[in-house]
Amino acid sequence: MEALKGIRILDMTHVQAGPTCTQLLAWLGADVIKLEPPQGDATRGQLRDVPNADSLYFTMLNCNKRSIVVNMKSAEGKQVFVDLLKKADIVMENFGPGVLDRLGFPWDKIHQLNPRVVMGSIKGFGSSGPYADFKAYENVAQAMGGAMSTTGVPEGPPFVTGAQIGDTGTGLHLAIGLLAALRQRDRTGEGQYVEVAMMDGVMNLCRVKFRDHQRLFRGPLSEYSVKTAQGMGAVPRAGNDSGGGQLGNAIHCKPHGPNDWLYVVVQEAVWEGLANRIGGDALAKDARFAKIADRRKNQDEMWQIITDFAKNYTKREFMAILNPLDVPCGPIMSTEDLANDEHVRGRDMWVELDHPQRGKWWNVGMPIKLSASPADIQRSPLLGEHTDEVLRSVLGYDDAKIASLKQAGAFSAPPKKAA
């Protein structure tokens, strides 16, 4: 049995943050009904690579869902929404501030209609505070949540990270909150409102930087290769420093292309063996690197010695040298590396699917592995593909009622007025 079998989610989210959350819950077995406006989720047509087909932006975030089209601006469409709401365990939205209220469905109304429903909401900055009405996107959230100021090289501009910590990170946070709220609902019979702000989620993912922010009140950060000082205020950008208790950095290997790097962590326990391998007895006994405090103080020199040794090896060859020494290390894996990696394929993290519009394509797999209920990844739905199915199987509408609602415009955009 699937872990979330029997849980029905009415998914009004779009773009990335919300769909990330609902796709994960769908992979866990929930029945996710994606309620779309007549024009569909905006990402169906964004960054399109196959003409007249849903984009990879959409297909990679909406697997295992059913799609129903509802015109929420019509009275009939609103009634369909209400009927679905009463059958749902979770309802989710990531509209701009006030959108759902203007449609006539603030949280208190939703709670009144279905006291057991859990409502999940994603906002850029939450529903309270001076930033509440601001618009947010992935990189805005990274900028305002602390990630950009601490990412990049010391004297260079701040960088965004390639990982979508603003959108996808927020979706993952919301999934945790929704599951907790369901557990409480099962005990109390009452649903609740669960909100995650993108800015808040990014801050949580940057918590080690806030650890260092407070340490700076008491003294410099010895593990940083850049200069730090007591009372300097903001945590600096530190390139590829590990940012942890052990020293780490990316080492460039041959043939010295953009991804020919191996990330290496030099733990206290492995230094002697590592030093003997790359520099012999002289390096192993070098007083500049004898203890971790010495290596921190002289880490620029240490990394240069390791880099000079590594220049004769590819990243995989260098990794093969370090692994028997128990040195934690890993090659910088490009998207091409990962898409063709035996380990990744073996763990079903790169999964081939078939789509009626675009044909064969690949999706990132389910990262959470449940032994008794492994994910069965299915393609994303076409726009409105399951409208009639949902109306019949979930709401019990008969053909006459469905036809009447269609005639009234419950599932289509109103005709454009003549100019």
Protein backbone atom coordinates (compact mmCIF):
# COMPACT_ATOMS: atom_id res chain seq x y z
CA MET A 1 0.00 0.00 0.00
CA GLU A 2 1.20 3.51 -0.79
CA ALA A 3 2.05 5.60 2.28
CA LEU A 4 -0.51 8.37 1.59
CA LYS A 5 -3.18 6.25 -0.11
CA GLY A 6 -6.61 7.68 0.71
CA ILE A 7 -5.37 11.26 1.11
CA ARG A 8 -6.88 13.63 -1.46
CA ILE A 9 -5.18 16.94 -2.26
CA LEU A 10 -6.83 19.78 -4.14
CA ASP A 11 -3.81 21.45 -5.71
CA MET A 12 -4.29 25.04 -6.86
CA THR A 13 -0.56 25.75 -7.01
CA HIS A 14 1.41 26.71 -10.09
CA VAL A 15 4.96 27.28 -11.34
CA GLN A 16 7.52 25.54 -9.04
CA ALA A 17 7.24 25.85 -5.25
CA GLY A 18 3.75 24.42 -4.80
CA PRO A 19 3.97 21.79 -7.55
CA THR A 20 7.23 20.52 -6.02
CA CYS A 21 5.36 19.86 -2.79
CA THR A 22 2.33 18.20 -4.38
CA GLN A 23 4.43 16.06 -6.72
CA LEU A 24 6.33 14.70 -3.73
CA LEU A 25 3.05 13.92 -1.95
CA ALA A 26 1.69 12.31 -5.12
CA TRP A 27 4.77 10.10 -5.29
CA LEU A 28 3.98 9.10 -1.72
CA GLY A 29 0.55 7.94 -2.87
CA ALA A 30 -1.78 10.90 -2.39
CA ASP A 31 -4.48 11.56 -4.99
CA VAL A 32 -3.45 15.00 -6.20
CA ILE A 33 -6.08 16.80 -8.26
CA LYS A 34 -4.43 19.75 -9.98
CA LEU A 35 -7.12 22.40 -10.32
CA GLU A 36 -6.10 24.65 -13.20
CA PRO A 37 -7.65 27.75 -14.78
CA PRO A 38 -8.80 27.38 -18.40
CA GLN A 39 -5.45 28.65 -19.68
CA GLY A 40 -3.59 26.12 -17.51
CA ASP A 41 -0.51 26.40 -15.32
CA ALA A 42 1.70 29.10 -16.84
CA THR A 43 4.68 26.75 -16.98
CA ARG A 44 2.97 24.48 -19.52
CA GLY A 45 4.12 26.93 -22.18
CA GLN A 46 7.26 28.40 -20.60
CA LEU A 47 10.70 27.41 -21.96
CA ARG A 48 8.95 25.09 -24.40
CA ASP A 49 11.36 22.85 -26.36
CA VAL A 50 8.79 20.80 -28.31
CA PRO A 51 6.17 22.75 -30.30
CA ASN A 52 2.60 22.44 -29.00
CA ALA A 53 3.69 20.20 -26.11
CA ASP A 54 3.83 20.84 -22.39
CA SER A 55 7.25 22.14 -21.43
CA LEU A 56 9.76 20.22 -19.34
CA TYR A 57 9.27 22.97 -16.74
CA PHE A 58 5.73 21.66 -16.28
CA THR A 59 6.20 17.95 -16.87
CA MET A 60 9.07 17.60 -14.39
CA LEU A 61 7.05 19.12 -11.54
CA ASN A 62 3.61 17.61 -12.07
CA CYS A 63 3.98 13.84 -12.32
CA ASN A 64 1.36 11.49 -10.85
CA LYS A 65 -1.35 14.17 -10.74
CA ARG A 66 -4.82 14.45 -12.26
CA SER A 67 -5.72 17.71 -14.02
CA ILE A 68 -9.13 19.33 -13.89
CA VAL A 69 -9.92 22.69 -15.48
CA VAL A 70 -12.21 24.99 -13.48
CA ASN A 71 -13.13 28.61 -14.17
CA MET A 72 -13.02 30.03 -10.65
CA LYS A 73 -14.38 33.36 -11.91
CA SER A 74 -17.77 31.81 -12.70
CA ALA A 75 -20.43 30.96 -10.13
CA GLU A 76 -20.67 27.41 -11.49
CA GLY A 77 -16.90 26.96 -11.32
CA LYS A 78 -16.84 28.18 -7.74
CA GLN A 79 -19.49 25.62 -6.84
CA VAL A 80 -17.37 22.85 -8.36
CA PHE A 81 -14.46 24.09 -6.25
CA VAL A 82 -16.63 24.03 -3.12
CA ASP A 83 -17.78 20.47 -3.87
CA LEU A 84 -14.16 19.35 -4.37
CA LEU A 85 -13.07 21.18 -1.24
CA LYS A 86 -15.55 19.20 0.83
CA LYS A 87 -13.98 15.96 -0.47
CA ALA A 88 -10.37 17.04 0.15
CA ASP A 89 -7.97 16.40 3.01
CA ILE A 90 -5.61 19.16 1.86
CA VAL A 91 -6.12 22.24 -0.28
CA MET A 92 -3.05 24.14 -1.48
CA GLU A 93 -2.39 27.52 -3.10
CA ASN A 94 0.56 29.76 -3.91
CA PHE A 95 -1.29 32.71 -5.41
CA GLY A 96 -0.15 36.26 -4.88
CA PRO A 97 -1.27 38.00 -1.68
CA GLY A 98 -5.06 38.38 -1.50
CA VAL A 99 -5.95 36.45 -4.66
CA LEU A 100 -7.91 33.69 -2.95
CA ASP A 101 -9.64 36.26 -0.74
CA ARG A 102 -10.81 38.17 -3.82
CA LEU A 103 -12.22 34.95 -5.25
CA GLY A 104 -14.32 34.68 -2.11
CA PHE A 105 -12.37 31.95 -0.32
CA PRO A 106 -10.27 33.26 2.58
CA TRP A 107 -9.05 30.66 5.07
CA ASP A 108 -11.93 31.18 7.49
CA LYS A 109 -14.44 30.49 4.71
CA ILE A 110 -12.55 27.38 3.60
CA HIS A 111 -12.37 26.16 7.21
CA GLN A 112 -16.12 26.77 7.59
CA LEU A 113 -16.88 24.77 4.43
CA ASN A 114 -14.67 21.84 5.52
CA PRO A 115 -13.48 21.99 9.13
CA ARG A 116 -11.25 18.94 8.61
CA VAL A 117 -9.32 20.30 5.64
CA VAL A 118 -5.69 21.33 6.00
CA MET A 119 -4.76 24.35 3.92
CA GLY A 120 -1.23 24.80 2.64
CA SER A 121 -0.08 28.23 1.49
CA ILE A 122 3.19 29.43 0.00
CA LYS A 123 3.96 33.13 -0.05
CA GLY A 124 7.13 35.02 -0.85
CA PHE A 125 7.28 36.65 2.56
CA GLY A 126 4.30 35.29 4.44
CA SER A 127 0.96 36.84 5.26
CA SER A 128 2.26 39.20 7.95
CA GLY A 129 5.00 41.79 8.29
CA PRO A 130 6.07 44.77 6.19
CA TYR A 131 7.16 42.56 3.25
CA ALA A 132 3.87 40.64 3.03
CA ASP A 133 2.68 42.33 -0.17
CA PHE A 134 6.00 42.06 -2.02
CA LYS A 135 6.32 39.71 -4.98
CA ALA A 136 8.99 37.02 -4.81
CA TYR A 137 10.76 34.71 -7.21
CA GLU A 138 13.48 32.12 -6.69
CA ASN A 139 16.41 34.51 -6.80
CA VAL A 140 14.60 37.20 -4.82
CA ALA A 141 14.09 34.67 -2.02
CA GLN A 142 17.76 33.66 -2.19
CA ALA A 143 18.73 37.32 -2.02
CA MET A 144 16.52 38.18 0.95
CA GLY A 145 16.95 34.91 2.87
CA GLY A 146 20.73 35.18 3.29
CA ALA A 147 21.93 32.72 0.64
CA MET A 148 23.33 35.16 -1.93
CA SER A 149 25.32 37.29 0.51
CA THR A 150 27.22 34.18 1.63
CA THR A 151 27.70 32.58 -1.80
CA GLY A 152 30.54 33.48 -4.15
CA VAL A 153 34.17 34.51 -3.95
CA PRO A 154 35.21 37.09 -1.35
CA GLU A 155 35.91 40.05 -3.62
CA GLY A 156 33.30 39.17 -6.26
CA PRO A 157 29.57 39.73 -6.57
CA PRO A 158 27.05 37.61 -4.64
CA PHE A 159 25.89 34.51 -6.50
CA VAL A 160 22.64 32.57 -6.60
CA THR A 161 22.99 28.83 -6.16
CA GLY A 162 21.93 26.45 -8.92
CA ALA A 163 19.83 24.51 -6.42
CA GLN A 164 16.34 25.99 -6.30
CA ILE A 165 16.32 26.55 -2.57
CA GLY A 166 13.76 29.35 -2.78
CA ASP A 167 11.09 27.45 -4.70
CA THR A 168 11.80 23.75 -4.30
CA GLY A 169 13.18 24.26 -0.78
CA THR A 170 9.96 25.98 0.24
CA GLY A 171 7.88 23.19 -1.28
CA LEU A 172 9.77 20.61 0.76
CA HIS A 173 9.24 22.63 3.94
CA LEU A 174 5.52 22.81 3.20
CA ALA A 175 5.27 19.04 2.69
CA ILE A 176 6.61 18.52 6.21
CA GLY A 177 4.12 21.02 7.63
CA LEU A 178 1.17 19.46 5.81
CA LEU A 179 1.99 15.96 6.98
CA ALA A 180 2.29 17.21 10.57
CA ALA A 181 -1.06 19.03 10.28
CA LEU A 182 -2.70 15.86 8.92
CA ARG A 183 -1.41 13.92 11.90
CA GLN A 184 -2.89 16.50 14.26
CA ARG A 185 -6.16 16.53 12.29
CA ASP A 186 -6.43 12.78 12.74
CA ARG A 187 -6.23 13.29 16.52
CA THR A 188 -8.44 16.38 16.87
CA GLY A 189 -10.73 16.30 13.84
CA GLU A 190 -9.77 19.88 13.01
CA GLY A 191 -7.74 21.11 10.06
CA GLN A 192 -5.47 24.14 10.18
CA TYR A 193 -3.70 26.70 8.02
CA VAL A 194 -0.07 25.87 7.18
CA GLU A 195 2.06 28.63 5.69
CA VAL A 196 5.65 28.66 4.48
CA ALA A 197 7.27 31.86 3.23
CA MET A 198 10.04 31.48 0.67
CA MET A 199 12.26 33.91 2.57
CA ASP A 200 11.76 31.91 5.78
CA GLY A 201 12.60 28.64 4.05
CA VAL A 202 15.84 30.04 2.63
CA MET A 203 16.82 31.35 6.07
CA ASN A 204 16.31 27.88 7.53
CA LEU A 205 18.54 26.36 4.84
CA CYS A 206 21.20 28.98 5.68
CA ARG A 207 21.25 28.26 9.40
CA VAL A 208 24.97 27.41 9.52
CA LYS A 209 25.66 30.93 8.26
CA PHE A 210 23.61 32.32 11.14
CA ARG A 211 25.68 30.09 13.43
CA ASP A 212 28.78 31.82 12.09
CA HIS A 213 27.13 35.24 12.33
CA GLN A 214 26.86 34.76 16.10
CA ARG A 215 30.35 33.29 16.45
CA LEU A 216 31.74 36.50 14.94
CA PHE A 217 30.65 38.38 18.06
CA ARG A 218 33.28 36.40 20.00
CA GLY A 219 36.14 36.13 17.54
CA PRO A 220 37.32 35.29 14.01
CA LEU A 221 36.24 32.15 12.16
CA SER A 222 39.36 30.03 12.01
CA GLU A 223 38.04 27.63 9.36
CA TYR A 224 37.52 30.41 6.81
CA SER A 225 40.32 30.99 4.31
CA VAL A 226 39.32 34.66 4.04
CA LYS A 227 40.13 37.07 6.83
CA THR A 228 37.48 37.39 9.52
CA ALA A 229 37.51 39.40 12.71
CA GLN A 230 35.52 39.80 15.89
CA GLY A 231 32.70 42.28 15.41
CA MET A 232 32.95 42.37 11.61
CA GLY A 233 29.18 41.86 11.37
CA ALA A 234 28.09 40.00 8.27
CA VAL A 235 29.39 36.53 7.46
CA PRO A 236 31.61 36.88 4.36
CA ARG A 237 31.57 34.98 1.10
CA ALA A 238 34.26 32.31 1.26
CA GLY A 239 34.34 30.60 -2.14
CA ASN A 240 34.46 26.82 -1.76
CA ASP A 241 35.49 26.68 1.89
CA SER A 242 33.67 23.87 3.64
CA GLY A 243 32.14 26.19 6.22
CA GLY A 244 32.32 23.39 8.79
CA GLY A 245 34.64 22.04 11.45
CA GLN A 246 36.82 20.29 8.86
CA LEU A 247 38.68 22.04 6.07
CA GLY A 248 37.38 21.43 2.56
CA ASN A 249 37.83 22.86 -0.91
CA ALA A 250 37.50 22.13 -4.61
CA ILE A 251 40.72 21.00 -6.32
CA HIS A 252 41.20 21.51 -10.06
CA CYS A 253 42.29 18.37 -11.92
CA LYS A 254 43.32 17.59 -15.48
CA PRO A 255 42.33 18.35 -18.18
CA HIS A 256 41.34 21.47 -16.22
CA GLY A 257 37.93 22.04 -17.82
CA PRO A 258 35.02 23.81 -16.09
CA ASN A 259 33.91 20.68 -14.20
CA ASP A 260 37.27 18.95 -13.75
CA TRP A 261 37.28 19.45 -10.00
CA LEU A 262 37.28 17.17 -6.98
CA TYR A 263 35.95 18.40 -3.67
CA VAL A 264 38.24 17.26 -0.86
CA VAL A 265 37.73 17.37 2.90
CA VAL A 266 40.85 17.15 5.05
CA GLN A 267 39.89 15.62 8.36
CA GLU A 268 42.28 15.46 11.30
CA ALA A 269 42.37 11.66 11.19
CA VAL A 270 43.39 11.46 7.52
CA TRP A 271 46.04 14.18 7.30
CA GLU A 272 49.08 12.00 7.98
CA GLY A 273 48.13 9.40 5.37
CA LEU A 274 47.19 12.08 2.84
CA ALA A 275 50.38 14.05 3.44
CA ASN A 276 52.55 10.94 3.03
CA ARG A 277 50.83 10.07 -0.24
CA ILE A 278 51.14 13.47 -1.88
CA GLY A 279 54.32 14.84 -0.31
CA GLY A 280 56.09 12.04 1.53
CA ASP A 281 57.56 12.14 5.00
CA ALA A 282 58.64 15.76 4.66
CA LEU A 283 55.06 16.99 4.24
CA ALA A 284 53.74 14.67 6.94
CA LYS A 285 56.19 16.21 9.41
CA ASP A 286 55.87 19.81 8.19
CA ALA A 287 55.15 21.95 11.25
CA ARG A 288 52.93 24.29 9.22
CA PHE A 289 50.36 21.50 8.92
CA ALA A 290 50.99 19.40 12.04
CA LYS A 291 47.63 20.02 13.72
CA ILE A 292 44.26 21.17 12.44
CA ALA A 293 44.81 24.63 13.95
CA ASP A 294 48.04 24.88 11.96
CA ARG A 295 46.34 23.75 8.77
CA ARG A 296 43.60 26.30 9.24
CA LYS A 297 46.19 29.05 9.67
CA ASN A 298 48.12 27.89 6.60
CA GLN A 299 45.33 26.43 4.52
CA ASP A 300 46.15 28.44 1.38
CA GLU A 301 49.55 26.78 1.26
CA MET A 302 48.04 23.36 2.04
CA TRP A 303 45.50 23.64 -0.79
CA GLN A 304 48.21 24.75 -3.20
CA ILE A 305 50.31 21.67 -2.38
CA ILE A 306 47.30 19.39 -2.92
CA THR A 307 46.43 21.19 -6.18
CA ASP A 308 50.00 20.83 -7.48
CA PHE A 309 49.77 17.08 -6.88
CA ALA A 310 46.28 16.78 -8.41
CA LYS A 311 47.15 18.51 -11.68
CA ASN A 312 48.54 15.24 -13.03
CA TYR A 313 45.28 13.31 -12.48
CA THR A 314 41.68 13.49 -13.62
CA LYS A 315 39.06 14.01 -10.94
CA ARG A 316 38.17 10.31 -11.02
CA GLU A 317 41.83 9.25 -10.84
CA PHE A 318 42.45 11.59 -7.92
CA MET A 319 39.35 10.24 -6.17
CA ALA A 320 40.70 6.71 -6.65
CA ILE A 321 43.90 7.78 -4.87
CA LEU A 322 42.08 9.40 -1.96
CA ASN A 323 39.35 6.82 -1.31
CA PRO A 324 41.72 4.12 0.06
CA LEU A 325 43.05 6.79 2.44
CA ASP A 326 39.52 7.41 3.76
CA VAL A 327 39.66 11.02 2.61
CA PRO A 328 36.10 12.29 2.06
CA CYS A 329 35.93 13.52 -1.53
CA GLY A 330 33.65 13.73 -4.52
CA PRO A 331 33.93 14.87 -8.12
CA ILE A 332 32.05 17.94 -9.27
CA MET A 333 29.26 16.24 -11.20
CA SER A 334 27.82 18.08 -14.18
CA THR A 335 24.25 17.54 -15.35
CA GLU A 336 25.69 15.36 -18.12
CA ASP A 337 27.70 13.34 -15.61
CA LEU A 338 24.64 12.72 -13.47
CA ALA A 339 22.33 11.88 -16.37
CA ASN A 340 24.71 9.08 -17.37
CA ASP A 341 25.87 7.94 -13.93
CA GLU A 342 25.50 4.26 -13.03
CA HIS A 343 24.85 5.04 -9.36
CA VAL A 344 22.14 7.58 -10.20
CA ARG A 345 20.41 5.22 -12.65
CA GLY A 346 20.66 2.34 -10.19
CA ARG A 347 18.83 4.36 -7.53
CA ASP A 348 16.07 5.40 -9.94
CA MET A 349 17.03 9.04 -9.67
CA TRP A 350 16.95 9.59 -13.45
CA VAL A 351 13.76 8.06 -14.78
CA GLU A 352 12.55 7.79 -18.37
CA LEU A 353 8.86 8.56 -19.00
CA ASP A 354 6.61 8.73 -22.05
CA HIS A 355 4.30 11.65 -22.83
CA PRO A 356 1.56 11.74 -25.49
CA GLN A 357 2.69 15.16 -26.76
CA ARG A 358 6.45 15.17 -26.35
CA GLY A 359 7.39 11.49 -26.46
CA LYS A 360 10.23 10.12 -24.32
CA TRP A 361 11.72 12.38 -21.68
CA TRP A 362 13.53 12.10 -18.36
CA ASN A 363 12.67 13.22 -14.86
CA VAL A 364 14.57 13.37 -11.60
CA GLY A 365 13.35 10.50 -9.46
CA MET A 366 11.93 10.24 -5.96
CA PRO A 367 14.70 11.03 -3.44
CA ILE A 368 12.80 9.54 -0.48
CA LYS A 369 12.99 5.76 -0.54
CA LEU A 370 10.27 3.86 1.35
CA SER A 371 10.93 0.14 1.58
CA ALA A 372 7.26 -0.91 1.75
CA SER A 373 5.89 1.64 -0.72
CA PRO A 374 8.39 2.61 -3.41
CA ALA A 375 7.30 5.44 -5.69
CA ASP A 376 5.74 4.57 -9.05
CA ILE A 377 6.48 7.64 -11.17
CA GLN A 378 3.89 8.43 -13.83
CA ARG A 379 3.83 11.20 -16.43
CA SER A 380 2.27 14.63 -15.87
CA PRO A 381 -1.34 15.19 -16.99
CA LEU A 382 -2.48 17.06 -20.06
CA LEU A 383 -4.49 20.20 -19.35
CA GLY A 384 -7.94 19.14 -18.13
CA GLU A 385 -7.25 15.51 -18.97
CA HIS A 386 -9.14 14.24 -15.94
CA THR A 387 -11.93 16.82 -15.67
CA ASP A 388 -14.80 14.45 -16.48
CA GLU A 389 -13.19 11.59 -14.55
CA VAL A 390 -12.85 13.66 -11.36
CA LEU A 391 -16.36 15.09 -11.67
CA ARG A 392 -17.78 11.58 -11.94
CA SER A 393 -15.56 9.56 -9.57
CA VAL A 394 -15.00 12.13 -6.82
CA LEU A 395 -18.14 14.29 -6.95
CA GLY A 396 -20.62 11.79 -8.40
CA TYR A 397 -21.85 14.17 -11.10
CA ASP A 398 -23.86 12.52 -13.87
CA ASP A 399 -23.54 13.24 -17.57
CA ALA A 400 -26.44 15.69 -17.59
CA LYS A 401 -24.98 17.79 -14.79
CA ILE A 402 -21.53 17.80 -16.38
CA ALA A 403 -23.01 18.90 -19.70
CA SER A 404 -25.00 21.63 -17.98
CA LEU A 405 -21.91 22.94 -16.18
CA LYS A 406 -19.92 22.93 -19.39
CA GLN A 407 -22.67 24.89 -21.11
CA ALA A 408 -22.59 27.43 -18.26
CA GLY A 409 -18.82 27.93 -18.65
CA ALA A 410 -17.68 26.27 -15.42
CA PHE A 411 -14.64 24.76 -17.13
CA SER A 412 -13.78 27.31 -19.83
CA ALA A 413 -12.76 30.90 -20.17
CA PRO A 414 -15.57 33.34 -21.01
CA PRO A 415 -15.64 34.43 -24.66
CA LYS A 416 -13.74 37.60 -25.39
CA LYS A 417 -15.90 40.66 -25.89
CA ALA A 418 -15.84 42.23 -29.32
CA ALA A 419 -13.72 45.35 -29.54
